[in-house]
Amino acid sequence: MAWPQASDYPLIADIRRRIAAFIGLLETHQEPMQILHYFPGGECKPYFDSFVAGSRHLDFGGNRMLTLILYLNDVPLGGWTEFARLETSVVPYHGTGVMFKNLNDQRLQLETSLHG
């Protein structure tokens, strides 16, 4: 896992600006970008990107409203982002992505955002 900083990489800064413009929120509302690489046979167990009400993590910047996953390469087999409670998967293709809400209208954890 890597955490490239926008101040170190102009491309990361540009991507963050584009995301902010697309969703209509300031860049300051974004967390640092994470870059993950899964090796063949690797697995990501289902999890939520948001925190439940009362979590101590909410004291450090609030909850995660949205998640954006950008796919940096094609994956010949596997590698899907699965949404178990929606019974659907997103196939990773280079240059595409998936964005989803983590919170409902009451700003509580959206159960359908469970993914892995």
C-alpha atoms as a PDB file:
ATOM      1  CA  MET A   1       0.000   0.000   0.000  1.00  0.00           C
ATOM      2  CA  ALA A   2       1.249   3.478  -0.849  1.00  0.00           C
ATOM      3  CA  TRP A   3       0.015   6.899   0.260  1.00  0.00           C
ATOM      4  CA  PRO A   4       1.301   9.324  -2.405  1.00  0.00           C
ATOM      5  CA  GLN A   5       0.997  12.974  -1.405  1.00  0.00           C
ATOM      6  CA  ALA A   6      -0.343  15.556  -3.842  1.00  0.00           C
ATOM      7  CA  SER A   7       2.523  17.861  -2.858  1.00  0.00           C
ATOM      8  CA  ASP A   8       5.023  15.266  -4.128  1.00  0.00           C
ATOM      9  CA  TYR A   9       3.268  14.186  -7.330  1.00  0.00           C
ATOM     10  CA  PRO A  10       1.646  16.646  -9.765  1.00  0.00           C
ATOM     11  CA  LEU A  11      -0.475  13.830 -11.231  1.00  0.00           C
ATOM     12  CA  ILE A  12      -1.949  13.056  -7.795  1.00  0.00           C
ATOM     13  CA  ALA A  13      -2.671  16.771  -7.289  1.00  0.00           C
ATOM     14  CA  ASP A  14      -4.451  16.875 -10.660  1.00  0.00           C
ATOM     15  CA  ILE A  15      -6.521  13.780  -9.866  1.00  0.00           C
ATOM     16  CA  ARG A  16      -7.550  15.272  -6.502  1.00  0.00           C
ATOM     17  CA  ARG A  17      -8.604  18.535  -8.217  1.00  0.00           C
ATOM     18  CA  ARG A  18     -10.674  16.614 -10.762  1.00  0.00           C
ATOM     19  CA  ILE A  19     -12.368  14.552  -8.052  1.00  0.00           C
ATOM     20  CA  ALA A  20     -13.195  17.706  -6.076  1.00  0.00           C
ATOM     21  CA  ALA A  21     -14.698  19.357  -9.157  1.00  0.00           C
ATOM     22  CA  PHE A  22     -16.672  16.233 -10.063  1.00  0.00           C
ATOM     23  CA  ILE A  23     -18.257  15.731  -6.636  1.00  0.00           C
ATOM     24  CA  GLY A  24     -18.563  19.419  -5.789  1.00  0.00           C
ATOM     25  CA  LEU A  25     -16.559  19.328  -2.557  1.00  0.00           C
ATOM     26  CA  LEU A  26     -13.260  20.962  -1.655  1.00  0.00           C
ATOM     27  CA  GLU A  27     -10.057  18.936  -1.842  1.00  0.00           C
ATOM     28  CA  THR A  28      -9.661  19.500   1.891  1.00  0.00           C
ATOM     29  CA  HIS A  29     -12.583  17.097   2.383  1.00  0.00           C
ATOM     30  CA  GLN A  30     -10.610  14.269   0.775  1.00  0.00           C
ATOM     31  CA  GLU A  31      -8.405  11.810   2.585  1.00  0.00           C
ATOM     32  CA  PRO A  32      -4.938  11.084   1.199  1.00  0.00           C
ATOM     33  CA  MET A  33      -5.035   8.794  -1.801  1.00  0.00           C
ATOM     34  CA  GLN A  34      -4.240   5.123  -1.220  1.00  0.00           C
ATOM     35  CA  ILE A  35      -2.759   2.911  -3.910  1.00  0.00           C
ATOM     36  CA  LEU A  36      -3.249  -0.812  -3.420  1.00  0.00           C
ATOM     37  CA  HIS A  37      -1.843  -3.704  -5.398  1.00  0.00           C
ATOM     38  CA  TYR A  38      -3.285  -7.178  -5.002  1.00  0.00           C
ATOM     39  CA  PHE A  39      -1.167 -10.110  -6.075  1.00  0.00           C
ATOM     40  CA  PRO A  40      -2.648 -13.194  -7.783  1.00  0.00           C
ATOM     41  CA  GLY A  41      -4.720 -15.083  -5.244  1.00  0.00           C
ATOM     42  CA  GLY A  42      -4.994 -12.001  -3.029  1.00  0.00           C
ATOM     43  CA  GLU A  43      -8.318 -11.302  -1.409  1.00  0.00           C
ATOM     44  CA  CYS A  44     -10.058  -8.404   0.243  1.00  0.00           C
ATOM     45  CA  LYS A  45     -12.675  -9.408   2.803  1.00  0.00           C
ATOM     46  CA  PRO A  46     -15.892  -7.317   2.765  1.00  0.00           C
ATOM     47  CA  TYR A  47     -15.721  -4.141   4.838  1.00  0.00           C
ATOM     48  CA  PHE A  48     -17.270  -0.688   5.238  1.00  0.00           C
ATOM     49  CA  ASP A  49     -15.377   2.523   4.497  1.00  0.00           C
ATOM     50  CA  SER A  50     -17.568   4.412   6.972  1.00  0.00           C
ATOM     51  CA  PHE A  51     -17.671   4.339  10.753  1.00  0.00           C
ATOM     52  CA  VAL A  52     -20.675   3.547  12.931  1.00  0.00           C
ATOM     53  CA  ALA A  53     -22.188   6.245  15.140  1.00  0.00           C
ATOM     54  CA  GLY A  54     -20.172   6.678  18.328  1.00  0.00           C
ATOM     55  CA  SER A  55     -16.888   5.473  16.803  1.00  0.00           C
ATOM     56  CA  ARG A  56     -13.799   7.264  18.124  1.00  0.00           C
ATOM     57  CA  HIS A  57     -12.639   7.619  14.503  1.00  0.00           C
ATOM     58  CA  LEU A  58     -15.355  10.207  13.913  1.00  0.00           C
ATOM     59  CA  ASP A  59     -13.422  12.662  16.096  1.00  0.00           C
ATOM     60  CA  PHE A  60     -10.707  12.902  13.433  1.00  0.00           C
ATOM     61  CA  GLY A  61     -12.343  14.534  10.419  1.00  0.00           C
ATOM     62  CA  GLY A  62     -15.805  13.013  10.436  1.00  0.00           C
ATOM     63  CA  ASN A  63     -17.175  10.144   8.419  1.00  0.00           C
ATOM     64  CA  ARG A  64     -16.436   9.045   4.886  1.00  0.00           C
ATOM     65  CA  MET A  65     -19.331  10.176   2.718  1.00  0.00           C
ATOM     66  CA  LEU A  66     -18.135   8.692  -0.562  1.00  0.00           C
ATOM     67  CA  THR A  67     -15.616   6.204  -1.846  1.00  0.00           C
ATOM     68  CA  LEU A  68     -14.020   6.377  -5.274  1.00  0.00           C
ATOM     69  CA  ILE A  69     -12.059   3.376  -6.520  1.00  0.00           C
ATOM     70  CA  LEU A  70     -10.022   3.959  -9.670  1.00  0.00           C
ATOM     71  CA  TYR A  71      -8.702   0.956 -11.556  1.00  0.00           C
ATOM     72  CA  LEU A  72      -5.142   1.413 -12.798  1.00  0.00           C
ATOM     73  CA  ASN A  73      -4.927  -1.736 -14.903  1.00  0.00           C
ATOM     74  CA  ASP A  74      -6.965  -4.540 -16.418  1.00  0.00           C
ATOM     75  CA  VAL A  75      -7.218  -7.754 -14.451  1.00  0.00           C
ATOM     76  CA  PRO A  76      -7.515 -10.880 -16.611  1.00  0.00           C
ATOM     77  CA  LEU A  77      -9.180 -12.949 -13.885  1.00  0.00           C
ATOM     78  CA  GLY A  78     -10.792 -11.882 -10.624  1.00  0.00           C
ATOM     79  CA  GLY A  79     -10.148  -8.522  -9.042  1.00  0.00           C
ATOM     80  CA  TRP A  80     -13.784  -7.470  -9.001  1.00  0.00           C
ATOM     81  CA  THR A  81     -15.120  -5.117  -6.374  1.00  0.00           C
ATOM     82  CA  GLU A  82     -18.035  -7.046  -4.921  1.00  0.00           C
ATOM     83  CA  PHE A  83     -21.027  -5.502  -3.174  1.00  0.00           C
ATOM     84  CA  ALA A  84     -22.416  -8.516  -1.323  1.00  0.00           C
ATOM     85  CA  ARG A  85     -25.634  -6.917  -0.104  1.00  0.00           C
ATOM     86  CA  LEU A  86     -26.433  -5.673  -3.583  1.00  0.00           C
ATOM     87  CA  GLU A  87     -25.417  -8.997  -5.154  1.00  0.00           C
ATOM     88  CA  THR A  88     -23.377  -7.162  -7.770  1.00  0.00           C
ATOM     89  CA  SER A  89     -19.740  -6.795  -8.780  1.00  0.00           C
ATOM     90  CA  VAL A  90     -17.708  -4.207 -10.655  1.00  0.00           C
ATOM     91  CA  VAL A  91     -15.133  -5.554 -13.096  1.00  0.00           C
ATOM     92  CA  PRO A  92     -11.868  -3.568 -13.092  1.00  0.00           C
ATOM     93  CA  TYR A  93     -10.878  -2.068 -16.434  1.00  0.00           C
ATOM     94  CA  HIS A  94      -7.896   0.271 -16.791  1.00  0.00           C
ATOM     95  CA  GLY A  95      -8.996   3.898 -16.620  1.00  0.00           C
ATOM     96  CA  THR A  96     -12.420   3.230 -15.116  1.00  0.00           C
ATOM     97  CA  GLY A  97     -13.699   3.386 -11.587  1.00  0.00           C
ATOM     98  CA  VAL A  98     -16.629   3.093  -9.246  1.00  0.00           C
ATOM     99  CA  MET A  99     -17.939   5.683  -6.809  1.00  0.00           C
ATOM    100  CA  PHE A 100     -20.474   4.927  -4.100  1.00  0.00           C
ATOM    101  CA  LYS A 101     -22.077   6.484  -1.061  1.00  0.00           C
ATOM    102  CA  ASN A 102     -21.058   5.232   2.378  1.00  0.00           C
ATOM    103  CA  LEU A 103     -23.764   7.079   4.318  1.00  0.00           C
ATOM    104  CA  ASN A 104     -27.526   7.326   3.999  1.00  0.00           C
ATOM    105  CA  ASP A 105     -29.476  10.606   4.104  1.00  0.00           C
ATOM    106  CA  GLN A 106     -29.363  10.531   7.917  1.00  0.00           C
ATOM    107  CA  ARG A 107     -25.534  10.260   7.688  1.00  0.00           C
ATOM    108  CA  LEU A 108     -25.565   6.742   9.084  1.00  0.00           C
ATOM    109  CA  GLN A 109     -23.647   3.804   7.639  1.00  0.00           C
ATOM    110  CA  LEU A 110     -25.240   2.661   4.402  1.00  0.00           C
ATOM    111  CA  GLU A 111     -25.481  -1.117   4.672  1.00  0.00           C
ATOM    112  CA  THR A 112     -25.318  -1.594   0.903  1.00  0.00           C
ATOM    113  CA  SER A 113     -21.834  -0.005   0.834  1.00  0.00           C
ATOM    114  CA  LEU A 114     -20.302  -3.215   2.227  1.00  0.00           C
ATOM    115  CA  HIS A 115     -17.680  -4.153  -0.355  1.00  0.00           C
ATOM    116  CA  GLY A 116     -14.564  -6.227  -0.838  1.00  0.00           C
END
